[in-house]
Amino acid sequence: MPLSSIERKRATDRKAQQARRERTRNKIAELEQELEYYKKLSQEGNTGIQQECVRLRQENKHLRQRLGAINAIMAIDTALPLPLSLPIPQELLHYEENKVPERSSRSIQGSKFSPECFNSYEPLTHLEMARIYDQVYEVEPDKVSKVQKVDISVIVKAINEGWGALDCLANENPLVRILRDIDQHLFRESNEILRLAVMYKNYHLLKYLIAPGEENIKGLPQWIQPEATGPTIPRANILFFPWPFMRQALNRHYARYSFDDKFAYEMLRCYRFYWPFPFQNAFSFDKEHQTYEISTLFREFCHNLSSWGMDGSFLCTYPEFTDGFRSLVLGEV
């Protein structure tokens, strides 16, 4: 075979091989694009399904609340005896998955308060609760900048791994110290979801109370934002109740509740937060940076006042709050 023919054949073979390689590369790229498309579609589909489940749960919950409220109103109109459990639908007030067990005697450790202040009382009084929250007014001006630097990741870590998992620098921060006292002295026997929700709400409210400003008020839903009180310093413990109608009642009749030893106990025992998903769905963990982040869905639940409720038994002891919760059910709050 002449040399020129061999060269032409080799050139033809090279072109054919190049064409095959090009087709292979194109096919691989096409398959990779298709794989990414289906991954994205799967993620979007899962998110959409989860959001649809939430929507349906909320719609079902809303309809049950309406039905309960209508039954209560009908009972009133027909002059029938009205049990205290009727005005407030169980969907809002009785979250069995968030039920708090009966409190046993506790030893209080790791606090700026002396242990005997708490161990001598069972349960905690409203005034003892107030002392914990009043620490917000004791933060020194030179510590405010440290408060601003605390990220919510620290709080999620404390609830998920325990307060002992935080380093000394975090534990010395005034904001973290107050949140730890609230969690360990008031909610340490509650389930993780309620504790995380309370800490999330309190984290943002404390930051605003310690360092008022546009940046810190952004994290607060409208229903928890403190109202202007003029020269009078508001009672810190009352500011942390989620429900505006309860805060108003406590401010008007503070003496009645502050000397009622049972109020603080019943309040903590009956506190509820509605979250229909596993605890792990409330946050995500970044392994690379070793940080936590609150999930968007959990944040939405925390910002929805109807997610915050009380066990119906609380109204048996304090029926004066029944109308407020009924208005919440009817969407009037």
C-alpha atoms as a PDB file:
ATOM      1  CA  MET A   1       0.000   0.000   0.000  1.00  0.00           C
ATOM      2  CA  PRO A   2       1.483   3.375  -1.028  1.00  0.00           C
ATOM      3  CA  LEU A   3       2.559   5.654   1.829  1.00  0.00           C
ATOM      4  CA  SER A   4       0.044   8.288   0.895  1.00  0.00           C
ATOM      5  CA  SER A   5      -2.785   5.761   1.204  1.00  0.00           C
ATOM      6  CA  ILE A   6      -1.574   4.706   4.680  1.00  0.00           C
ATOM      7  CA  GLU A   7      -1.436   8.316   5.815  1.00  0.00           C
ATOM      8  CA  ARG A   8      -4.910   8.964   4.463  1.00  0.00           C
ATOM      9  CA  LYS A   9      -6.228   5.899   6.306  1.00  0.00           C
ATOM     10  CA  ARG A  10      -4.559   6.976   9.555  1.00  0.00           C
ATOM     11  CA  ALA A  11      -5.990  10.460   9.167  1.00  0.00           C
ATOM     12  CA  THR A  12      -9.435   8.984   8.562  1.00  0.00           C
ATOM     13  CA  ASP A  13      -9.080   6.738  11.635  1.00  0.00           C
ATOM     14  CA  ARG A  14      -7.988   9.685  13.783  1.00  0.00           C
ATOM     15  CA  LYS A  15     -10.981  11.700  12.673  1.00  0.00           C
ATOM     16  CA  ALA A  16     -13.278   8.770  13.407  1.00  0.00           C
ATOM     17  CA  GLN A  17     -11.741   8.334  16.878  1.00  0.00           C
ATOM     18  CA  GLN A  18     -12.026  12.066  17.567  1.00  0.00           C
ATOM     19  CA  ALA A  19     -15.644  11.974  16.481  1.00  0.00           C
ATOM     20  CA  ARG A  20     -16.337   9.010  18.787  1.00  0.00           C
ATOM     21  CA  ARG A  21     -14.602  10.751  21.705  1.00  0.00           C
ATOM     22  CA  GLU A  22     -16.559  13.919  21.030  1.00  0.00           C
ATOM     23  CA  ARG A  23     -19.831  11.979  20.912  1.00  0.00           C
ATOM     24  CA  THR A  24     -18.880  10.234  24.185  1.00  0.00           C
ATOM     25  CA  ARG A  25     -18.052  13.559  25.883  1.00  0.00           C
ATOM     26  CA  ASN A  26     -21.295  15.065  24.661  1.00  0.00           C
ATOM     27  CA  LYS A  27     -23.245  12.052  25.875  1.00  0.00           C
ATOM     28  CA  ILE A  28     -21.573  12.218  29.318  1.00  0.00           C
ATOM     29  CA  ALA A  29     -22.285  15.949  29.549  1.00  0.00           C
ATOM     30  CA  GLU A  30     -25.872  15.329  28.519  1.00  0.00           C
ATOM     31  CA  LEU A  31     -26.285  12.595  31.138  1.00  0.00           C
ATOM     32  CA  GLU A  32     -24.718  14.810  33.834  1.00  0.00           C
ATOM     33  CA  GLN A  33     -27.088  17.638  32.946  1.00  0.00           C
ATOM     34  CA  GLU A  34     -30.005  15.237  33.039  1.00  0.00           C
ATOM     35  CA  LEU A  35     -28.861  13.900  36.421  1.00  0.00           C
ATOM     36  CA  GLU A  36     -28.592  17.448  37.841  1.00  0.00           C
ATOM     37  CA  TYR A  37     -32.026  18.231  36.459  1.00  0.00           C
ATOM     38  CA  TYR A  38     -33.594  15.234  38.178  1.00  0.00           C
ATOM     39  CA  LYS A  39     -31.735  15.989  41.422  1.00  0.00           C
ATOM     40  CA  LYS A  40     -33.072  19.532  41.382  1.00  0.00           C
ATOM     41  CA  LEU A  41     -36.519  18.299  40.422  1.00  0.00           C
ATOM     42  CA  SER A  42     -36.447  15.797  43.291  1.00  0.00           C
ATOM     43  CA  GLN A  43     -35.398  18.455  45.801  1.00  0.00           C
ATOM     44  CA  GLU A  44     -38.041  20.877  44.570  1.00  0.00           C
ATOM     45  CA  GLY A  45     -40.597  18.086  44.589  1.00  0.00           C
ATOM     46  CA  ASN A  46     -39.771  17.121  48.163  1.00  0.00           C
ATOM     47  CA  THR A  47     -39.951  20.745  49.259  1.00  0.00           C
ATOM     48  CA  GLY A  48     -43.233  21.189  47.431  1.00  0.00           C
ATOM     49  CA  ILE A  49     -44.703  18.056  48.987  1.00  0.00           C
ATOM     50  CA  GLN A  50     -43.581  19.124  52.456  1.00  0.00           C
ATOM     51  CA  GLN A  51     -45.041  22.604  51.973  1.00  0.00           C
ATOM     52  CA  GLU A  52     -48.279  21.107  50.687  1.00  0.00           C
ATOM     53  CA  CYS A  53     -48.443  18.836  53.751  1.00  0.00           C
ATOM     54  CA  VAL A  54     -47.946  21.858  55.981  1.00  0.00           C
ATOM     55  CA  ARG A  55     -50.653  23.753  54.112  1.00  0.00           C
ATOM     56  CA  LEU A  56     -53.105  20.875  54.436  1.00  0.00           C
ATOM     57  CA  ARG A  57     -52.283  20.382  58.121  1.00  0.00           C
ATOM     58  CA  GLN A  58     -52.765  24.082  58.770  1.00  0.00           C
ATOM     59  CA  GLU A  59     -56.013  24.122  56.817  1.00  0.00           C
ATOM     60  CA  ASN A  60     -57.289  21.086  58.715  1.00  0.00           C
ATOM     61  CA  LYS A  61     -56.211  22.649  62.000  1.00  0.00           C
ATOM     62  CA  HIS A  62     -57.909  25.925  61.079  1.00  0.00           C
ATOM     63  CA  LEU A  63     -61.169  24.163  60.207  1.00  0.00           C
ATOM     64  CA  ARG A  64     -61.114  22.234  63.487  1.00  0.00           C
ATOM     65  CA  GLN A  65     -60.504  25.464  65.370  1.00  0.00           C
ATOM     66  CA  ARG A  66     -63.422  27.142  63.610  1.00  0.00           C
ATOM     67  CA  LEU A  67     -65.671  24.184  64.324  1.00  0.00           C
ATOM     68  CA  GLY A  68     -64.706  24.223  67.999  1.00  0.00           C
ATOM     69  CA  ALA A  69     -65.336  27.954  68.234  1.00  0.00           C
ATOM     70  CA  ILE A  70     -68.724  27.607  66.506  1.00  0.00           C
ATOM     71  CA  ASN A  71     -69.706  24.821  68.905  1.00  0.00           C
ATOM     72  CA  ALA A  72     -68.724  27.025  71.810  1.00  0.00           C
ATOM     73  CA  ILE A  73     -70.747  29.971  70.499  1.00  0.00           C
ATOM     74  CA  MET A  74     -73.761  27.728  69.852  1.00  0.00           C
ATOM     75  CA  ALA A  75     -73.501  26.397  73.397  1.00  0.00           C
ATOM     76  CA  ILE A  76     -73.550  29.948  74.732  1.00  0.00           C
ATOM     77  CA  ASP A  77     -76.468  30.998  72.528  1.00  0.00           C
ATOM     78  CA  THR A  78     -78.593  28.057  73.631  1.00  0.00           C
ATOM     79  CA  ALA A  79     -77.805  28.773  77.286  1.00  0.00           C
ATOM     80  CA  LEU A  80     -76.330  25.327  77.804  1.00  0.00           C
ATOM     81  CA  PRO A  81     -73.691  24.775  80.466  1.00  0.00           C
ATOM     82  CA  LEU A  82     -70.373  25.497  78.763  1.00  0.00           C
ATOM     83  CA  PRO A  83     -67.351  23.439  79.845  1.00  0.00           C
ATOM     84  CA  LEU A  84     -64.151  25.458  79.869  1.00  0.00           C
ATOM     85  CA  SER A  85     -62.569  23.074  77.390  1.00  0.00           C
ATOM     86  CA  LEU A  86     -65.052  23.960  74.637  1.00  0.00           C
ATOM     87  CA  PRO A  87     -64.061  27.514  73.702  1.00  0.00           C
ATOM     88  CA  ILE A  88     -60.501  26.518  72.909  1.00  0.00           C
ATOM     89  CA  PRO A  89     -60.103  23.712  70.356  1.00  0.00           C
ATOM     90  CA  GLN A  90     -57.681  21.021  71.377  1.00  0.00           C
ATOM     91  CA  GLU A  91     -55.771  21.478  68.121  1.00  0.00           C
ATOM     92  CA  LEU A  92     -54.507  24.793  69.449  1.00  0.00           C
ATOM     93  CA  LEU A  93     -54.213  24.149  73.139  1.00  0.00           C
ATOM     94  CA  HIS A  94     -53.513  20.492  73.743  1.00  0.00           C
ATOM     95  CA  TYR A  95     -50.420  19.289  71.910  1.00  0.00           C
ATOM     96  CA  GLU A  96     -49.760  15.912  73.455  1.00  0.00           C
ATOM     97  CA  GLU A  97     -46.384  15.657  71.736  1.00  0.00           C
ATOM     98  CA  ASN A  98     -45.294  18.774  73.606  1.00  0.00           C
ATOM     99  CA  LYS A  99     -46.724  17.818  76.980  1.00  0.00           C
ATOM    100  CA  VAL A 100     -44.520  18.669  79.946  1.00  0.00           C
ATOM    101  CA  PRO A 101     -44.165  16.058  82.683  1.00  0.00           C
ATOM    102  CA  GLU A 102     -44.875  16.935  86.279  1.00  0.00           C
ATOM    103  CA  ARG A 103     -41.944  18.815  87.769  1.00  0.00           C
ATOM    104  CA  SER A 104     -39.903  17.077  90.416  1.00  0.00           C
ATOM    105  CA  SER A 105     -37.543  18.666  92.906  1.00  0.00           C
ATOM    106  CA  ARG A 106     -34.567  20.084  91.032  1.00  0.00           C
ATOM    107  CA  SER A 107     -31.038  21.180  91.840  1.00  0.00           C
ATOM    108  CA  ILE A 108     -30.160  24.441  90.128  1.00  0.00           C
ATOM    109  CA  GLN A 109     -26.576  24.734  88.960  1.00  0.00           C
ATOM    110  CA  GLY A 110     -24.497  27.001  86.756  1.00  0.00           C
ATOM    111  CA  SER A 111     -26.447  30.182  87.469  1.00  0.00           C
ATOM    112  CA  LYS A 112     -25.699  33.566  88.941  1.00  0.00           C
ATOM    113  CA  PHE A 113     -28.602  32.895  91.339  1.00  0.00           C
ATOM    114  CA  SER A 114     -27.957  31.063  94.580  1.00  0.00           C
ATOM    115  CA  PRO A 115     -29.337  27.481  94.527  1.00  0.00           C
ATOM    116  CA  GLU A 116     -31.339  27.986  97.694  1.00  0.00           C
ATOM    117  CA  CYS A 117     -33.378  30.699  95.968  1.00  0.00           C
ATOM    118  CA  PHE A 118     -34.898  28.001  93.781  1.00  0.00           C
ATOM    119  CA  ASN A 119     -34.617  24.808  95.776  1.00  0.00           C
ATOM    120  CA  SER A 120     -36.622  26.289  98.631  1.00  0.00           C
ATOM    121  CA  TYR A 121     -39.626  26.741  96.349  1.00  0.00           C
ATOM    122  CA  GLU A 122     -41.528  24.028  94.506  1.00  0.00           C
ATOM    123  CA  PRO A 123     -42.674  25.166  92.058  1.00  0.00           C
ATOM    124  CA  LEU A 124     -41.036  28.452  91.035  1.00  0.00           C
ATOM    125  CA  THR A 125     -43.048  31.535  91.858  1.00  0.00           C
ATOM    126  CA  HIS A 126     -43.876  34.267  89.381  1.00  0.00           C
ATOM    127  CA  LEU A 127     -41.451  36.575  91.202  1.00  0.00           C
ATOM    128  CA  GLU A 128     -38.618  34.049  90.823  1.00  0.00           C
ATOM    129  CA  MET A 129     -39.336  33.860  87.120  1.00  0.00           C
ATOM    130  CA  ALA A 130     -39.233  37.658  87.018  1.00  0.00           C
ATOM    131  CA  ARG A 131     -35.776  37.687  88.616  1.00  0.00           C
ATOM    132  CA  ILE A 132     -34.422  35.533  85.799  1.00  0.00           C
ATOM    133  CA  TYR A 133     -35.838  37.741  83.058  1.00  0.00           C
ATOM    134  CA  ASP A 134     -34.851  40.973  84.831  1.00  0.00           C
ATOM    135  CA  GLN A 135     -31.217  40.186  84.031  1.00  0.00           C
ATOM    136  CA  VAL A 136     -31.876  41.854  80.687  1.00  0.00           C
ATOM    137  CA  TYR A 137     -31.757  45.218  82.479  1.00  0.00           C
ATOM    138  CA  GLU A 138     -28.453  44.370  84.171  1.00  0.00           C
ATOM    139  CA  VAL A 139     -26.327  43.987  81.027  1.00  0.00           C
ATOM    140  CA  GLU A 140     -23.496  46.505  81.218  1.00  0.00           C
ATOM    141  CA  PRO A 141     -23.101  48.924  78.269  1.00  0.00           C
ATOM    142  CA  ASP A 142     -19.624  47.631  77.420  1.00  0.00           C
ATOM    143  CA  LYS A 143     -21.077  44.111  76.976  1.00  0.00           C
ATOM    144  CA  VAL A 144     -23.705  45.124  74.393  1.00  0.00           C
ATOM    145  CA  SER A 145     -21.329  44.611  71.465  1.00  0.00           C
ATOM    146  CA  LYS A 146     -20.736  41.017  72.629  1.00  0.00           C
ATOM    147  CA  VAL A 147     -24.486  40.401  72.664  1.00  0.00           C
ATOM    148  CA  GLN A 148     -24.722  41.566  69.065  1.00  0.00           C
ATOM    149  CA  LYS A 149     -22.160  38.986  67.968  1.00  0.00           C
ATOM    150  CA  VAL A 150     -24.034  35.934  69.291  1.00  0.00           C
ATOM    151  CA  ASP A 151     -25.368  33.859  66.402  1.00  0.00           C
ATOM    152  CA  ILE A 152     -28.500  31.707  66.658  1.00  0.00           C
ATOM    153  CA  SER A 153     -26.260  28.715  65.832  1.00  0.00           C
ATOM    154  CA  VAL A 154     -24.954  28.814  69.423  1.00  0.00           C
ATOM    155  CA  ILE A 155     -28.469  28.472  70.830  1.00  0.00           C
ATOM    156  CA  VAL A 156     -29.418  25.594  68.521  1.00  0.00           C
ATOM    157  CA  LYS A 157     -26.206  23.821  69.531  1.00  0.00           C
ATOM    158  CA  ALA A 158     -27.051  24.266  73.216  1.00  0.00           C
ATOM    159  CA  ILE A 159     -30.493  22.681  72.792  1.00  0.00           C
ATOM    160  CA  ASN A 160     -29.317  19.887  70.493  1.00  0.00           C
ATOM    161  CA  GLU A 161     -26.033  19.004  72.227  1.00  0.00           C
ATOM    162  CA  GLY A 162     -26.477  20.489  75.702  1.00  0.00           C
ATOM    163  CA  TRP A 163     -25.278  23.737  77.265  1.00  0.00           C
ATOM    164  CA  GLY A 164     -22.072  21.983  78.286  1.00  0.00           C
ATOM    165  CA  ALA A 165     -21.132  21.765  74.593  1.00  0.00           C
ATOM    166  CA  LEU A 166     -20.599  25.545  74.438  1.00  0.00           C
ATOM    167  CA  ASP A 167     -17.129  26.947  74.998  1.00  0.00           C
ATOM    168  CA  CYS A 168     -16.228  29.322  77.836  1.00  0.00           C
ATOM    169  CA  LEU A 169     -16.398  32.383  75.593  1.00  0.00           C
ATOM    170  CA  ALA A 170     -19.991  31.636  74.621  1.00  0.00           C
ATOM    171  CA  ASN A 171     -21.038  30.822  78.188  1.00  0.00           C
ATOM    172  CA  GLU A 172     -19.639  34.131  79.449  1.00  0.00           C
ATOM    173  CA  ASN A 173     -21.762  36.125  77.009  1.00  0.00           C
ATOM    174  CA  PRO A 174     -24.619  37.952  78.826  1.00  0.00           C
ATOM    175  CA  LEU A 175     -27.190  36.919  76.209  1.00  0.00           C
ATOM    176  CA  VAL A 176     -26.206  33.250  76.362  1.00  0.00           C
ATOM    177  CA  ARG A 177     -26.172  33.337  80.172  1.00  0.00           C
ATOM    178  CA  ILE A 178     -29.727  34.702  80.359  1.00  0.00           C
ATOM    179  CA  LEU A 179     -30.997  32.190  77.800  1.00  0.00           C
ATOM    180  CA  ARG A 180     -29.293  29.355  79.687  1.00  0.00           C
ATOM    181  CA  ASP A 181     -30.947  30.441  82.939  1.00  0.00           C
ATOM    182  CA  ILE A 182     -34.361  30.591  81.259  1.00  0.00           C
ATOM    183  CA  ASP A 183     -33.938  27.179  79.660  1.00  0.00           C
ATOM    184  CA  GLN A 184     -32.382  25.390  82.632  1.00  0.00           C
ATOM    185  CA  HIS A 185     -34.522  26.891  85.396  1.00  0.00           C
ATOM    186  CA  LEU A 186     -37.866  27.118  83.607  1.00  0.00           C
ATOM    187  CA  PHE A 187     -37.956  24.746  80.618  1.00  0.00           C
ATOM    188  CA  ARG A 188     -35.359  22.073  81.255  1.00  0.00           C
ATOM    189  CA  GLU A 189     -38.029  19.362  81.681  1.00  0.00           C
ATOM    190  CA  SER A 190     -39.826  20.404  78.487  1.00  0.00           C
ATOM    191  CA  ASN A 191     -39.289  18.596  75.199  1.00  0.00           C
ATOM    192  CA  GLU A 192     -36.645  19.776  72.730  1.00  0.00           C
ATOM    193  CA  ILE A 193     -39.046  21.383  70.258  1.00  0.00           C
ATOM    194  CA  LEU A 194     -40.680  23.619  72.859  1.00  0.00           C
ATOM    195  CA  ARG A 195     -37.270  24.531  74.291  1.00  0.00           C
ATOM    196  CA  LEU A 196     -35.894  25.404  70.850  1.00  0.00           C
ATOM    197  CA  ALA A 197     -38.962  27.489  69.961  1.00  0.00           C
ATOM    198  CA  VAL A 198     -38.824  29.375  73.267  1.00  0.00           C
ATOM    199  CA  MET A 199     -35.084  29.966  72.900  1.00  0.00           C
ATOM    200  CA  TYR A 200     -35.525  31.185  69.311  1.00  0.00           C
ATOM    201  CA  LYS A 201     -38.212  33.675  70.384  1.00  0.00           C
ATOM    202  CA  ASN A 202     -36.302  34.775  73.466  1.00  0.00           C
ATOM    203  CA  TYR A 203     -33.013  35.094  71.568  1.00  0.00           C
ATOM    204  CA  HIS A 204     -34.459  37.696  69.210  1.00  0.00           C
ATOM    205  CA  LEU A 205     -36.427  39.507  71.912  1.00  0.00           C
ATOM    206  CA  LEU A 206     -33.435  39.694  74.267  1.00  0.00           C
ATOM    207  CA  LYS A 207     -31.189  41.049  71.515  1.00  0.00           C
ATOM    208  CA  TYR A 208     -33.709  43.802  70.839  1.00  0.00           C
ATOM    209  CA  LEU A 209     -34.210  44.658  74.526  1.00  0.00           C
ATOM    210  CA  ILE A 210     -30.451  44.832  75.122  1.00  0.00           C
ATOM    211  CA  ALA A 211     -29.638  46.642  71.875  1.00  0.00           C
ATOM    212  CA  PRO A 212     -32.780  48.288  70.420  1.00  0.00           C
ATOM    213  CA  GLY A 213     -32.561  49.130  66.748  1.00  0.00           C
ATOM    214  CA  GLU A 214     -33.760  48.361  63.235  1.00  0.00           C
ATOM    215  CA  GLU A 215     -31.452  45.383  62.802  1.00  0.00           C
ATOM    216  CA  ASN A 216     -32.671  43.561  65.910  1.00  0.00           C
ATOM    217  CA  ILE A 217     -36.367  44.312  65.553  1.00  0.00           C
ATOM    218  CA  LYS A 218     -36.393  42.603  62.135  1.00  0.00           C
ATOM    219  CA  GLY A 219     -36.240  39.211  63.841  1.00  0.00           C
ATOM    220  CA  LEU A 220     -39.378  39.895  65.903  1.00  0.00           C
ATOM    221  CA  PRO A 221     -42.908  39.146  64.664  1.00  0.00           C
ATOM    222  CA  GLN A 222     -45.358  42.004  65.166  1.00  0.00           C
ATOM    223  CA  TRP A 223     -47.216  40.302  68.018  1.00  0.00           C
ATOM    224  CA  ILE A 224     -44.153  40.119  70.292  1.00  0.00           C
ATOM    225  CA  GLN A 225     -42.652  43.551  69.614  1.00  0.00           C
ATOM    226  CA  PRO A 226     -42.552  45.612  72.839  1.00  0.00           C
ATOM    227  CA  GLU A 227     -44.837  48.621  72.953  1.00  0.00           C
ATOM    228  CA  ALA A 228     -43.630  52.073  73.965  1.00  0.00           C
ATOM    229  CA  THR A 229     -44.240  52.499  77.695  1.00  0.00           C
ATOM    230  CA  GLY A 230     -42.884  55.995  78.290  1.00  0.00           C
ATOM    231  CA  PRO A 231     -40.626  56.490  81.327  1.00  0.00           C
ATOM    232  CA  THR A 232     -41.832  53.287  83.004  1.00  0.00           C
ATOM    233  CA  ILE A 233     -39.536  50.285  82.629  1.00  0.00           C
ATOM    234  CA  PRO A 234     -41.683  47.325  81.496  1.00  0.00           C
ATOM    235  CA  ARG A 235     -41.600  44.139  83.547  1.00  0.00           C
ATOM    236  CA  ALA A 236     -39.246  41.926  81.582  1.00  0.00           C
ATOM    237  CA  ASN A 237     -40.917  38.600  82.352  1.00  0.00           C
ATOM    238  CA  ILE A 238     -44.258  39.786  80.950  1.00  0.00           C
ATOM    239  CA  LEU A 239     -42.649  40.847  77.657  1.00  0.00           C
ATOM    240  CA  PHE A 240     -41.781  37.220  76.890  1.00  0.00           C
ATOM    241  CA  PHE A 241     -45.360  35.893  76.925  1.00  0.00           C
ATOM    242  CA  PRO A 242     -46.283  35.324  73.249  1.00  0.00           C
ATOM    243  CA  TRP A 243     -49.930  36.392  73.526  1.00  0.00           C
ATOM    244  CA  PRO A 244     -50.695  40.150  73.548  1.00  0.00           C
ATOM    245  CA  PHE A 245     -53.967  39.675  75.477  1.00  0.00           C
ATOM    246  CA  MET A 246     -52.149  37.792  78.247  1.00  0.00           C
ATOM    247  CA  ARG A 247     -49.432  40.443  78.498  1.00  0.00           C
ATOM    248  CA  GLN A 248     -52.109  43.129  78.832  1.00  0.00           C
ATOM    249  CA  ALA A 249     -53.921  41.184  81.560  1.00  0.00           C
ATOM    250  CA  LEU A 250     -50.713  40.548  83.501  1.00  0.00           C
ATOM    251  CA  ASN A 251     -49.757  44.216  83.335  1.00  0.00           C
ATOM    252  CA  ARG A 252     -53.200  45.317  84.548  1.00  0.00           C
ATOM    253  CA  HIS A 253     -53.381  42.797  87.395  1.00  0.00           C
ATOM    254  CA  TYR A 254     -49.711  42.165  88.110  1.00  0.00           C
ATOM    255  CA  ALA A 255     -50.112  42.014  91.886  1.00  0.00           C
ATOM    256  CA  ARG A 256     -52.714  39.254  91.598  1.00  0.00           C
ATOM    257  CA  TYR A 257     -50.484  36.946  89.548  1.00  0.00           C
ATOM    258  CA  SER A 258     -47.103  37.854  91.045  1.00  0.00           C
ATOM    259  CA  PHE A 259     -48.248  36.552  94.434  1.00  0.00           C
ATOM    260  CA  ASP A 260     -50.006  33.512  92.966  1.00  0.00           C
ATOM    261  CA  ASP A 261     -47.546  30.645  93.467  1.00  0.00           C
ATOM    262  CA  LYS A 262     -49.588  28.357  91.243  1.00  0.00           C
ATOM    263  CA  PHE A 263     -49.595  30.647  88.205  1.00  0.00           C
ATOM    264  CA  ALA A 264     -45.926  30.136  87.292  1.00  0.00           C
ATOM    265  CA  TYR A 265     -46.226  26.378  87.767  1.00  0.00           C
ATOM    266  CA  GLU A 266     -49.365  26.037  85.631  1.00  0.00           C
ATOM    267  CA  MET A 267     -47.917  28.350  83.003  1.00  0.00           C
ATOM    268  CA  LEU A 268     -44.802  26.222  82.540  1.00  0.00           C
ATOM    269  CA  ARG A 269     -46.703  22.928  82.787  1.00  0.00           C
ATOM    270  CA  CYS A 270     -49.242  23.881  80.132  1.00  0.00           C
ATOM    271  CA  TYR A 271     -46.965  25.752  77.694  1.00  0.00           C
ATOM    272  CA  ARG A 272     -47.264  24.317  74.159  1.00  0.00           C
ATOM    273  CA  PHE A 273     -45.694  24.812  70.723  1.00  0.00           C
ATOM    274  CA  TYR A 274     -47.168  23.185  67.627  1.00  0.00           C
ATOM    275  CA  TRP A 275     -44.592  21.528  65.317  1.00  0.00           C
ATOM    276  CA  PRO A 276     -45.842  18.461  63.386  1.00  0.00           C
ATOM    277  CA  PHE A 277     -42.393  17.318  62.203  1.00  0.00           C
ATOM    278  CA  PRO A 278     -39.391  15.614  63.852  1.00  0.00           C
ATOM    279  CA  PHE A 279     -37.065  17.755  65.972  1.00  0.00           C
ATOM    280  CA  GLN A 280     -34.225  17.337  63.440  1.00  0.00           C
ATOM    281  CA  ASN A 281     -36.336  19.071  60.766  1.00  0.00           C
ATOM    282  CA  ALA A 282     -36.214  22.305  62.759  1.00  0.00           C
ATOM    283  CA  PHE A 283     -32.590  23.016  61.849  1.00  0.00           C
ATOM    284  CA  SER A 284     -29.687  22.045  59.620  1.00  0.00           C
ATOM    285  CA  PHE A 285     -26.016  21.461  60.425  1.00  0.00           C
ATOM    286  CA  ASP A 286     -23.079  22.653  58.322  1.00  0.00           C
ATOM    287  CA  LYS A 287     -20.348  20.038  58.838  1.00  0.00           C
ATOM    288  CA  GLU A 288     -17.704  22.139  57.121  1.00  0.00           C
ATOM    289  CA  HIS A 289     -18.152  25.159  59.402  1.00  0.00           C
ATOM    290  CA  GLN A 290     -19.612  23.218  62.378  1.00  0.00           C
ATOM    291  CA  THR A 291     -22.558  25.596  62.643  1.00  0.00           C
ATOM    292  CA  TYR A 292     -26.324  25.224  62.929  1.00  0.00           C
ATOM    293  CA  GLU A 293     -29.064  27.083  61.091  1.00  0.00           C
ATOM    294  CA  ILE A 294     -32.783  27.304  61.860  1.00  0.00           C
ATOM    295  CA  SER A 295     -34.885  25.902  59.012  1.00  0.00           C
ATOM    296  CA  THR A 296     -37.123  28.295  57.104  1.00  0.00           C
ATOM    297  CA  LEU A 297     -40.184  26.207  57.930  1.00  0.00           C
ATOM    298  CA  PHE A 298     -39.477  26.201  61.676  1.00  0.00           C
ATOM    299  CA  ARG A 299     -38.924  29.960  61.559  1.00  0.00           C
ATOM    300  CA  GLU A 300     -42.328  30.369  59.903  1.00  0.00           C
ATOM    301  CA  PHE A 301     -43.977  28.298  62.640  1.00  0.00           C
ATOM    302  CA  CYS A 302     -42.245  30.383  65.322  1.00  0.00           C
ATOM    303  CA  HIS A 303     -43.487  33.602  63.709  1.00  0.00           C
ATOM    304  CA  ASN A 304     -47.069  32.305  63.551  1.00  0.00           C
ATOM    305  CA  LEU A 305     -48.868  33.171  66.801  1.00  0.00           C
ATOM    306  CA  SER A 306     -51.284  30.261  66.355  1.00  0.00           C
ATOM    307  CA  SER A 307     -48.333  27.866  66.814  1.00  0.00           C
ATOM    308  CA  TRP A 308     -48.085  29.015  70.430  1.00  0.00           C
ATOM    309  CA  GLY A 309     -50.720  27.593  72.741  1.00  0.00           C
ATOM    310  CA  MET A 310     -51.658  26.449  76.214  1.00  0.00           C
ATOM    311  CA  ASP A 311     -53.009  23.132  77.409  1.00  0.00           C
ATOM    312  CA  GLY A 312     -56.765  23.375  77.975  1.00  0.00           C
ATOM    313  CA  SER A 313     -56.333  22.560  81.679  1.00  0.00           C
ATOM    314  CA  PHE A 314     -54.692  25.967  82.159  1.00  0.00           C
ATOM    315  CA  LEU A 315     -58.056  27.620  81.435  1.00  0.00           C
ATOM    316  CA  CYS A 316     -59.736  25.544  84.105  1.00  0.00           C
ATOM    317  CA  THR A 317     -57.573  27.336  86.655  1.00  0.00           C
ATOM    318  CA  TYR A 318     -57.457  30.708  84.881  1.00  0.00           C
ATOM    319  CA  PRO A 319     -60.700  31.035  82.878  1.00  0.00           C
ATOM    320  CA  GLU A 320     -60.165  34.784  82.487  1.00  0.00           C
ATOM    321  CA  PHE A 321     -57.878  34.014  79.525  1.00  0.00           C
ATOM    322  CA  THR A 322     -60.521  31.971  77.694  1.00  0.00           C
ATOM    323  CA  ASP A 323     -61.842  34.861  75.595  1.00  0.00           C
ATOM    324  CA  GLY A 324     -58.316  35.767  74.489  1.00  0.00           C
ATOM    325  CA  PHE A 325     -57.568  32.282  73.224  1.00  0.00           C
ATOM    326  CA  ARG A 326     -60.995  32.072  71.611  1.00  0.00           C
ATOM    327  CA  SER A 327     -60.224  35.283  69.687  1.00  0.00           C
ATOM    328  CA  LEU A 328     -56.911  33.757  68.636  1.00  0.00           C
ATOM    329  CA  VAL A 329     -58.760  30.716  67.297  1.00  0.00           C
ATOM    330  CA  LEU A 330     -61.127  32.947  65.330  1.00  0.00           C
ATOM    331  CA  GLY A 331     -58.232  34.921  63.869  1.00  0.00           C
ATOM    332  CA  GLU A 332     -59.109  38.112  65.719  1.00  0.00           C
ATOM    333  CA  VAL A 333     -55.728  38.451  67.467  1.00  0.00           C
END
